[in-house]
C-alpha cells in the first residue's frame, strides 16, 4: 500500500470514529473507561483478584468495541483481523 493510500485510509478511519462526533456514545464510552480505571485501582493486589479484574476489564472493553469499533481499534482495545 502506498503512503497516499495509507493517509487516505487513516483520514477515512478518523471520520468514522463516532466517539468524536456522537456525544451520547462519547459519554457511554467515557463511563466504561472510568469503570475500567476504577476496577483496576480498587482491586486487591493478589494474583486472583488481578486476573478477575483483567477479565472484567476485557468484557468492558468489548462493550466499547460494540459502541464504536473504530475507536476501539484506534485505542488498541481491539486488534483488527488483516
PDB file of N, CA and C in Angstrom:
ATOM      1  N   UNK A   1       0.841  -1.170   0.000  1.00  0.00           N
ATOM      2  CA  UNK A   1       0.000   0.000   0.000  1.00  0.00           C
ATOM      3  C   UNK A   1       0.894   1.243   0.000  1.00  0.00           C
ATOM      4  N   UNK A   2       0.568   2.206  -0.815  1.00  0.00           N
ATOM      5  CA  UNK A   2       1.380   3.418  -0.912  1.00  0.00           C
ATOM      6  C   UNK A   2       1.087   4.356   0.265  1.00  0.00           C
ATOM      7  N   UNK A   3       1.945   5.349   0.442  1.00  0.00           N
ATOM      8  CA  UNK A   3       1.750   6.321   1.520  1.00  0.00           C
ATOM      9  C   UNK A   3       0.454   7.103   1.341  1.00  0.00           C
ATOM     10  N   UNK A   4       0.121   7.413   0.097  1.00  0.00           N
ATOM     11  CA  UNK A   4      -1.118   8.140  -0.166  1.00  0.00           C
ATOM     12  C   UNK A   4      -2.332   7.310   0.229  1.00  0.00           C
ATOM     13  N   UNK A   5      -2.293   6.024  -0.085  1.00  0.00           N
ATOM     14  CA  UNK A   5      -3.401   5.147   0.277  1.00  0.00           C
ATOM     15  C   UNK A   5      -3.519   5.024   1.790  1.00  0.00           C
ATOM     16  N   UNK A   6      -2.394   4.921   2.473  1.00  0.00           N
ATOM     17  CA  UNK A   6      -2.414   4.842   3.930  1.00  0.00           C
ATOM     18  C   UNK A   6      -2.967   6.124   4.546  1.00  0.00           C
ATOM     19  N   UNK A   7      -2.572   7.262   4.006  1.00  0.00           N
ATOM     20  CA  UNK A   7      -3.074   8.544   4.504  1.00  0.00           C
ATOM     21  C   UNK A   7      -4.578   8.653   4.290  1.00  0.00           C
ATOM     22  N   UNK A   8      -5.048   8.245   3.136  1.00  0.00           N
ATOM     23  CA  UNK A   8      -6.478   8.283   2.838  1.00  0.00           C
ATOM     24  C   UNK A   8      -7.243   7.351   3.765  1.00  0.00           C
ATOM     25  N   UNK A   9      -6.704   6.160   3.995  1.00  0.00           N
ATOM     26  CA  UNK A   9      -7.352   5.197   4.873  1.00  0.00           C
ATOM     27  C   UNK A   9      -7.423   5.739   6.305  1.00  0.00           C
ATOM     28  N   UNK A  10      -6.363   6.370   6.767  1.00  0.00           N
ATOM     29  CA  UNK A  10      -6.351   6.951   8.114  1.00  0.00           C
ATOM     30  C   UNK A  10      -7.375   8.071   8.227  1.00  0.00           C
ATOM     31  N   UNK A  11      -7.473   8.899   7.183  1.00  0.00           N
ATOM     32  CA  UNK A  11      -8.433  10.002   7.178  1.00  0.00           C
ATOM     33  C   UNK A  11      -9.866   9.472   7.225  1.00  0.00           C
ATOM     34  N   UNK A  12     -10.156   8.456   6.441  1.00  0.00           N
ATOM     35  CA  UNK A  12     -11.484   7.858   6.434  1.00  0.00           C
ATOM     36  C   UNK A  12     -11.793   7.218   7.777  1.00  0.00           C
ATOM     37  N   UNK A  13     -10.798   6.581   8.356  1.00  0.00           N
ATOM     38  CA  UNK A  13     -10.982   5.929   9.644  1.00  0.00           C
ATOM     39  C   UNK A  13     -11.322   6.948  10.728  1.00  0.00           C
ATOM     40  N   UNK A  14     -10.618   8.078  10.753  1.00  0.00           N
ATOM     41  CA  UNK A  14     -10.881   9.109  11.749  1.00  0.00           C
ATOM     42  C   UNK A  14     -12.285   9.672  11.608  1.00  0.00           C
ATOM     43  N   UNK A  15     -12.750   9.802  10.381  1.00  0.00           N
ATOM     44  CA  UNK A  15     -14.079  10.377  10.178  1.00  0.00           C
ATOM     45  C   UNK A  15     -15.180   9.405  10.571  1.00  0.00           C
ATOM     46  N   UNK A  16     -14.861   8.115  10.681  1.00  0.00           N
ATOM     47  CA  UNK A  16     -15.881   7.145  11.041  1.00  0.00           C
ATOM     48  C   UNK A  16     -15.877   6.825  12.532  1.00  0.00           C
ATOM     49  N   UNK A  17     -15.006   7.461  13.313  1.00  0.00           N
ATOM     50  CA  UNK A  17     -14.981   7.241  14.751  1.00  0.00           C
ATOM     51  C   UNK A  17     -16.086   8.076  15.379  1.00  0.00           C
ATOM     52  N   UNK A  18     -17.110   7.405  15.850  1.00  0.00           N
ATOM     53  CA  UNK A  18     -18.280   8.091  16.389  1.00  0.00           C
ATOM     54  C   UNK A  18     -18.002   8.735  17.741  1.00  0.00           C
ATOM     55  N   UNK A  19     -16.957   8.303  18.425  1.00  0.00           N
ATOM     56  CA  UNK A  19     -16.604   8.889  19.714  1.00  0.00           C
ATOM     57  C   UNK A  19     -16.455  10.401  19.606  1.00  0.00           C
ATOM     58  N   UNK A  20     -15.897  10.859  18.493  1.00  0.00           N
ATOM     59  CA  UNK A  20     -15.631  12.290  18.310  1.00  0.00           C
ATOM     60  C   UNK A  20     -16.821  13.075  17.780  1.00  0.00           C
ATOM     61  N   UNK A  21     -17.832  12.384  17.257  1.00  0.00           N
ATOM     62  CA  UNK A  21     -18.954  13.086  16.633  1.00  0.00           C
ATOM     63  C   UNK A  21     -20.292  12.849  17.314  1.00  0.00           C
ATOM     64  N   UNK A  22     -20.394  11.841  18.159  1.00  0.00           N
ATOM     65  CA  UNK A  22     -21.661  11.489  18.788  1.00  0.00           C
ATOM     66  C   UNK A  22     -21.529  11.643  20.309  1.00  0.00           C
ATOM     67  N   UNK A  23     -22.080  12.716  20.882  1.00  0.00           N
ATOM     68  CA  UNK A  23     -21.927  12.965  22.318  1.00  0.00           C
ATOM     69  C   UNK A  23     -22.466  11.840  23.208  1.00  0.00           C
ATOM     70  N   UNK A  24     -23.545  11.205  22.798  1.00  0.00           N
ATOM     71  CA  UNK A  24     -24.116  10.125  23.608  1.00  0.00           C
ATOM     72  C   UNK A  24     -23.156   8.932  23.672  1.00  0.00           C
ATOM     73  N   UNK A  25     -22.579   8.575  22.538  1.00  0.00           N
ATOM     74  CA  UNK A  25     -21.616   7.470  22.527  1.00  0.00           C
ATOM     75  C   UNK A  25     -20.365   7.835  23.309  1.00  0.00           C
ATOM     76  N   UNK A  26     -19.950   9.096  23.216  1.00  0.00           N
ATOM     77  CA  UNK A  26     -18.771   9.540  23.968  1.00  0.00           C
ATOM     78  C   UNK A  26     -19.006   9.374  25.473  1.00  0.00           C
ATOM     79  N   UNK A  27     -20.187   9.777  25.944  1.00  0.00           N
ATOM     80  CA  UNK A  27     -20.499   9.641  27.370  1.00  0.00           C
ATOM     81  C   UNK A  27     -20.484   8.174  27.795  1.00  0.00           C
ATOM     82  N   UNK A  28     -21.074   7.307  26.987  1.00  0.00           N
ATOM     83  CA  UNK A  28     -21.098   5.877  27.314  1.00  0.00           C
ATOM     84  C   UNK A  28     -19.687   5.297  27.367  1.00  0.00           C
ATOM     85  N   UNK A  29     -18.883   5.631  26.372  1.00  0.00           N
ATOM     86  CA  UNK A  29     -17.513   5.119  26.324  1.00  0.00           C
ATOM     87  C   UNK A  29     -16.699   5.673  27.489  1.00  0.00           C
ATOM     88  N   UNK A  30     -16.849   6.954  27.784  1.00  0.00           N
ATOM     89  CA  UNK A  30     -16.125   7.548  28.913  1.00  0.00           C
ATOM     90  C   UNK A  30     -16.520   6.885  30.228  1.00  0.00           C
ATOM     91  N   UNK A  31     -17.805   6.569  30.391  1.00  0.00           N
ATOM     92  CA  UNK A  31     -18.270   5.895  31.593  1.00  0.00           C
ATOM     93  C   UNK A  31     -17.630   4.511  31.716  1.00  0.00           C
ATOM     94  N   UNK A  32     -17.572   3.783  30.607  1.00  0.00           N
ATOM     95  CA  UNK A  32     -16.960   2.447  30.622  1.00  0.00           C
ATOM     96  C   UNK A  32     -15.473   2.547  30.947  1.00  0.00           C
ATOM     97  N   UNK A  33     -14.788   3.543  30.380  1.00  0.00           N
ATOM     98  CA  UNK A  33     -13.364   3.726  30.669  1.00  0.00           C
ATOM     99  C   UNK A  33     -13.141   4.076  32.141  1.00  0.00           C
ATOM    100  N   UNK A  34     -14.037   4.861  32.721  1.00  0.00           N
ATOM    101  CA  UNK A  34     -13.946   5.165  34.150  1.00  0.00           C
ATOM    102  C   UNK A  34     -14.138   3.899  34.985  1.00  0.00           C
ATOM    103  N   UNK A  35     -15.079   3.052  34.549  1.00  0.00           N
ATOM    104  CA  UNK A  35     -15.292   1.774  35.237  1.00  0.00           C
ATOM    105  C   UNK A  35     -14.028   0.921  35.201  1.00  0.00           C
ATOM    106  N   UNK A  36     -13.376   0.878  34.045  1.00  0.00           N
ATOM    107  CA  UNK A  36     -12.140   0.106  33.902  1.00  0.00           C
ATOM    108  C   UNK A  36     -11.059   0.621  34.845  1.00  0.00           C
ATOM    109  N   UNK A  37     -10.898   1.923  34.887  1.00  0.00           N
ATOM    110  CA  UNK A  37      -9.877   2.515  35.746  1.00  0.00           C
ATOM    111  C   UNK A  37     -10.183   2.244  37.218  1.00  0.00           C
ATOM    112  N   UNK A  38     -11.431   2.391  37.601  1.00  0.00           N
ATOM    113  CA  UNK A  38     -11.838   2.153  38.979  1.00  0.00           C
ATOM    114  C   UNK A  38     -11.655   0.687  39.356  1.00  0.00           C
ATOM    115  N   UNK A  39     -11.989  -0.178  38.448  1.00  0.00           N
ATOM    116  CA  UNK A  39     -11.862  -1.613  38.675  1.00  0.00           C
ATOM    117  C   UNK A  39     -10.414  -1.986  38.988  1.00  0.00           C
ATOM    118  N   UNK A  40      -9.506  -1.491  38.174  1.00  0.00           N
ATOM    119  CA  UNK A  40      -8.095  -1.827  38.364  1.00  0.00           C
ATOM    120  C   UNK A  40      -7.520  -1.130  39.600  1.00  0.00           C
ATOM    121  N   UNK A  41      -7.959   0.076  39.873  1.00  0.00           N
ATOM    122  CA  UNK A  41      -7.426   0.823  41.014  1.00  0.00           C
ATOM    123  C   UNK A  41      -7.897   0.249  42.347  1.00  0.00           C
ATOM    124  N   UNK A  42      -9.074  -0.345  42.355  1.00  0.00           N
ATOM    125  CA  UNK A  42      -9.664  -0.804  43.612  1.00  0.00           C
ATOM    126  C   UNK A  42      -9.581  -2.302  43.853  1.00  0.00           C
ATOM    127  N   UNK A  43      -8.940  -3.042  42.978  1.00  0.00           N
ATOM    128  CA  UNK A  43      -8.856  -4.486  43.210  1.00  0.00           C
ATOM    129  C   UNK A  43      -7.682  -4.787  44.152  1.00  0.00           C
ATOM    130  N   UNK A  44      -7.772  -5.924  44.801  1.00  0.00           N
ATOM    131  CA  UNK A  44      -6.701  -6.348  45.709  1.00  0.00           C
ATOM    132  C   UNK A  44      -5.443  -6.645  44.911  1.00  0.00           C
ATOM    133  N   UNK A  45      -4.329  -6.705  45.614  1.00  0.00           N
ATOM    134  CA  UNK A  45      -3.049  -6.898  44.916  1.00  0.00           C
ATOM    135  C   UNK A  45      -2.682  -8.360  44.709  1.00  0.00           C
ATOM    136  N   UNK A  46      -3.550  -9.288  45.129  1.00  0.00           N
ATOM    137  CA  UNK A  46      -3.222 -10.700  44.908  1.00  0.00           C
ATOM    138  C   UNK A  46      -3.519 -11.114  43.465  1.00  0.00           C
ATOM    139  N   UNK A  47      -2.897 -12.187  43.059  1.00  0.00           N
ATOM    140  CA  UNK A  47      -2.958 -12.653  41.672  1.00  0.00           C
ATOM    141  C   UNK A  47      -4.398 -12.904  41.209  1.00  0.00           C
ATOM    142  N   UNK A  48      -5.186 -13.608  41.995  1.00  0.00           N
ATOM    143  CA  UNK A  48      -6.553 -13.956  41.583  1.00  0.00           C
ATOM    144  C   UNK A  48      -7.421 -12.714  41.393  1.00  0.00           C
ATOM    145  N   UNK A  49      -7.278 -11.741  42.292  1.00  0.00           N
ATOM    146  CA  UNK A  49      -8.051 -10.508  42.166  1.00  0.00           C
ATOM    147  C   UNK A  49      -7.664  -9.762  40.902  1.00  0.00           C
ATOM    148  N   UNK A  50      -6.380  -9.706  40.614  1.00  0.00           N
ATOM    149  CA  UNK A  50      -5.908  -9.028  39.401  1.00  0.00           C
ATOM    150  C   UNK A  50      -6.420  -9.730  38.144  1.00  0.00           C
ATOM    151  N   UNK A  51      -6.408 -11.050  38.153  1.00  0.00           N
ATOM    152  CA  UNK A  51      -6.902 -11.796  36.995  1.00  0.00           C
ATOM    153  C   UNK A  51      -8.394 -11.570  36.782  1.00  0.00           C
ATOM    154  N   UNK A  52      -9.153 -11.555  37.876  1.00  0.00           N
ATOM    155  CA  UNK A  52     -10.591 -11.290  37.773  1.00  0.00           C
ATOM    156  C   UNK A  52     -10.839  -9.873  37.252  1.00  0.00           C
ATOM    157  N   UNK A  53     -10.060  -8.920  37.728  1.00  0.00           N
ATOM    158  CA  UNK A  53     -10.200  -7.539  37.269  1.00  0.00           C
ATOM    159  C   UNK A  53      -9.846  -7.425  35.791  1.00  0.00           C
ATOM    160  N   UNK A  54      -8.796  -8.115  35.356  1.00  0.00           N
ATOM    161  CA  UNK A  54      -8.422  -8.077  33.930  1.00  0.00           C
ATOM    162  C   UNK A  54      -9.509  -8.699  33.067  1.00  0.00           C
ATOM    163  N   UNK A  55     -10.102  -9.799  33.540  1.00  0.00           N
ATOM    164  CA  UNK A  55     -11.180 -10.452  32.793  1.00  0.00           C
ATOM    165  C   UNK A  55     -12.370  -9.506  32.650  1.00  0.00           C
ATOM    166  N   UNK A  56     -12.745  -8.845  33.761  1.00  0.00           N
ATOM    167  CA  UNK A  56     -13.864  -7.905  33.724  1.00  0.00           C
ATOM    168  C   UNK A  56     -13.526  -6.709  32.831  1.00  0.00           C
ATOM    169  N   UNK A  57     -12.262  -6.254  32.883  1.00  0.00           N
ATOM    170  CA  UNK A  57     -11.834  -5.145  32.037  1.00  0.00           C
ATOM    171  C   UNK A  57     -11.979  -5.507  30.557  1.00  0.00           C
ATOM    172  N   UNK A  58     -11.613  -6.726  30.188  1.00  0.00           N
ATOM    173  CA  UNK A  58     -11.748  -7.155  28.798  1.00  0.00           C
ATOM    174  C   UNK A  58     -13.211  -7.173  28.362  1.00  0.00           C
ATOM    175  N   UNK A  59     -14.102  -7.575  29.265  1.00  0.00           N
ATOM    176  CA  UNK A  59     -15.535  -7.542  28.950  1.00  0.00           C
ATOM    177  C   UNK A  59     -15.999  -6.106  28.702  1.00  0.00           C
ATOM    178  N   UNK A  60     -15.523  -5.180  29.535  1.00  0.00           N
ATOM    179  CA  UNK A  60     -15.900  -3.772  29.374  1.00  0.00           C
ATOM    180  C   UNK A  60     -15.343  -3.195  28.077  1.00  0.00           C
ATOM    181  N   UNK A  61     -14.101  -3.541  27.748  1.00  0.00           N
ATOM    182  CA  UNK A  61     -13.504  -3.046  26.503  1.00  0.00           C
ATOM    183  C   UNK A  61     -14.220  -3.616  25.282  1.00  0.00           C
ATOM    184  N   UNK A  62     -14.739  -4.824  25.414  1.00  0.00           N
ATOM    185  CA  UNK A  62     -15.539  -5.399  24.331  1.00  0.00           C
ATOM    186  C   UNK A  62     -16.823  -4.593  24.139  1.00  0.00           C
ATOM    187  N   UNK A  63     -17.385  -4.094  25.233  1.00  0.00           N
ATOM    188  CA  UNK A  63     -18.567  -3.233  25.136  1.00  0.00           C
ATOM    189  C   UNK A  63     -18.250  -1.960  24.353  1.00  0.00           C
ATOM    190  N   UNK A  64     -17.041  -1.413  24.567  1.00  0.00           N
ATOM    191  CA  UNK A  64     -16.629  -0.225  23.818  1.00  0.00           C
ATOM    192  C   UNK A  64     -16.573  -0.547  22.332  1.00  0.00           C
ATOM    193  N   UNK A  65     -16.032  -1.713  21.990  1.00  0.00           N
ATOM    194  CA  UNK A  65     -15.934  -2.077  20.565  1.00  0.00           C
ATOM    195  C   UNK A  65     -17.316  -2.244  19.941  1.00  0.00           C
ATOM    196  N   UNK A  66     -18.301  -2.614  20.739  1.00  0.00           N
ATOM    197  CA  UNK A  66     -19.671  -2.720  20.220  1.00  0.00           C
ATOM    198  C   UNK A  66     -20.265  -1.337  19.974  1.00  0.00           C
ATOM    199  N   UNK A  67     -19.866  -0.363  20.801  1.00  0.00           N
ATOM    200  CA  UNK A  67     -20.361   1.002  20.629  1.00  0.00           C
ATOM    201  C   UNK A  67     -19.684   1.714  19.468  1.00  0.00           C
ATOM    202  N   UNK A  68     -18.350   1.546  19.365  1.00  0.00           N
ATOM    203  CA  UNK A  68     -17.583   2.242  18.324  1.00  0.00           C
ATOM    204  C   UNK A  68     -16.352   1.405  17.979  1.00  0.00           C
ATOM    205  N   UNK A  69     -16.494   0.583  16.981  1.00  0.00           N
ATOM    206  CA  UNK A  69     -15.441  -0.340  16.575  1.00  0.00           C
ATOM    207  C   UNK A  69     -14.158   0.388  16.205  1.00  0.00           C
ATOM    208  N   UNK A  70     -14.268   1.480  15.459  1.00  0.00           N
ATOM    209  CA  UNK A  70     -13.076   2.205  15.006  1.00  0.00           C
ATOM    210  C   UNK A  70     -12.327   2.834  16.181  1.00  0.00           C
ATOM    211  N   UNK A  71     -13.041   3.337  17.166  1.00  0.00           N
ATOM    212  CA  UNK A  71     -12.408   3.899  18.361  1.00  0.00           C
ATOM    213  C   UNK A  71     -11.651   2.809  19.112  1.00  0.00           C
ATOM    214  N   UNK A  72     -12.276   1.643  19.250  1.00  0.00           N
ATOM    215  CA  UNK A  72     -11.634   0.531  19.955  1.00  0.00           C
ATOM    216  C   UNK A  72     -10.355   0.091  19.255  1.00  0.00           C
ATOM    217  N   UNK A  73     -10.372   0.069  17.942  1.00  0.00           N
ATOM    218  CA  UNK A  73      -9.183  -0.311  17.184  1.00  0.00           C
ATOM    219  C   UNK A  73      -8.102   0.759  17.325  1.00  0.00           C
ATOM    220  N   UNK A  74      -8.488   2.020  17.195  1.00  0.00           N
ATOM    221  CA  UNK A  74      -7.517   3.115  17.281  1.00  0.00           C
ATOM    222  C   UNK A  74      -6.834   3.138  18.642  1.00  0.00           C
ATOM    223  N   UNK A  75      -7.580   2.854  19.691  1.00  0.00           N
ATOM    224  CA  UNK A  75      -7.023   2.911  21.048  1.00  0.00           C
ATOM    225  C   UNK A  75      -6.313   1.627  21.452  1.00  0.00           C
ATOM    226  N   UNK A  76      -6.378   0.603  20.612  1.00  0.00           N
ATOM    227  CA  UNK A  76      -5.680  -0.638  20.914  1.00  0.00           C
ATOM    228  C   UNK A  76      -6.489  -1.597  21.780  1.00  0.00           C
ATOM    229  N   UNK A  77      -7.768  -1.329  21.964  1.00  0.00           N
ATOM    230  CA  UNK A  77      -8.612  -2.215  22.761  1.00  0.00           C
ATOM    231  C   UNK A  77      -8.994  -3.457  21.969  1.00  0.00           C
ATOM    232  N   UNK A  78      -8.886  -3.369  20.667  1.00  0.00           N
ATOM    233  CA  UNK A  78      -9.254  -4.456  19.779  1.00  0.00           C
ATOM    234  C   UNK A  78      -8.265  -4.489  18.641  1.00  0.00           C
ATOM    235  N   UNK A  79      -7.748  -5.656  18.351  1.00  0.00           N
ATOM    236  CA  UNK A  79      -6.808  -5.827  17.257  1.00  0.00           C
ATOM    237  C   UNK A  79      -7.582  -6.316  16.037  1.00  0.00           C
ATOM    238  N   UNK A  80      -7.596  -5.544  14.935  1.00  0.00           N
ATOM    239  CA  UNK A  80      -8.358  -5.957  13.753  1.00  0.00           C
ATOM    240  C   UNK A  80      -7.697  -7.125  13.040  1.00  0.00           C
ATOM    241  N   UNK A  81      -8.518  -7.954  12.423  1.00  0.00           N
ATOM    242  CA  UNK A  81      -8.012  -9.018  11.563  1.00  0.00           C
ATOM    243  C   UNK A  81      -7.559  -8.409  10.253  1.00  0.00           C
ATOM    244  N   UNK A  82      -6.451  -8.878   9.720  1.00  0.00           N
ATOM    245  CA  UNK A  82      -5.962  -8.356   8.427  1.00  0.00           C
ATOM    246  C   UNK A  82      -6.486  -9.145   7.291  1.00  0.00           C
TER     247      UNK A  82
END
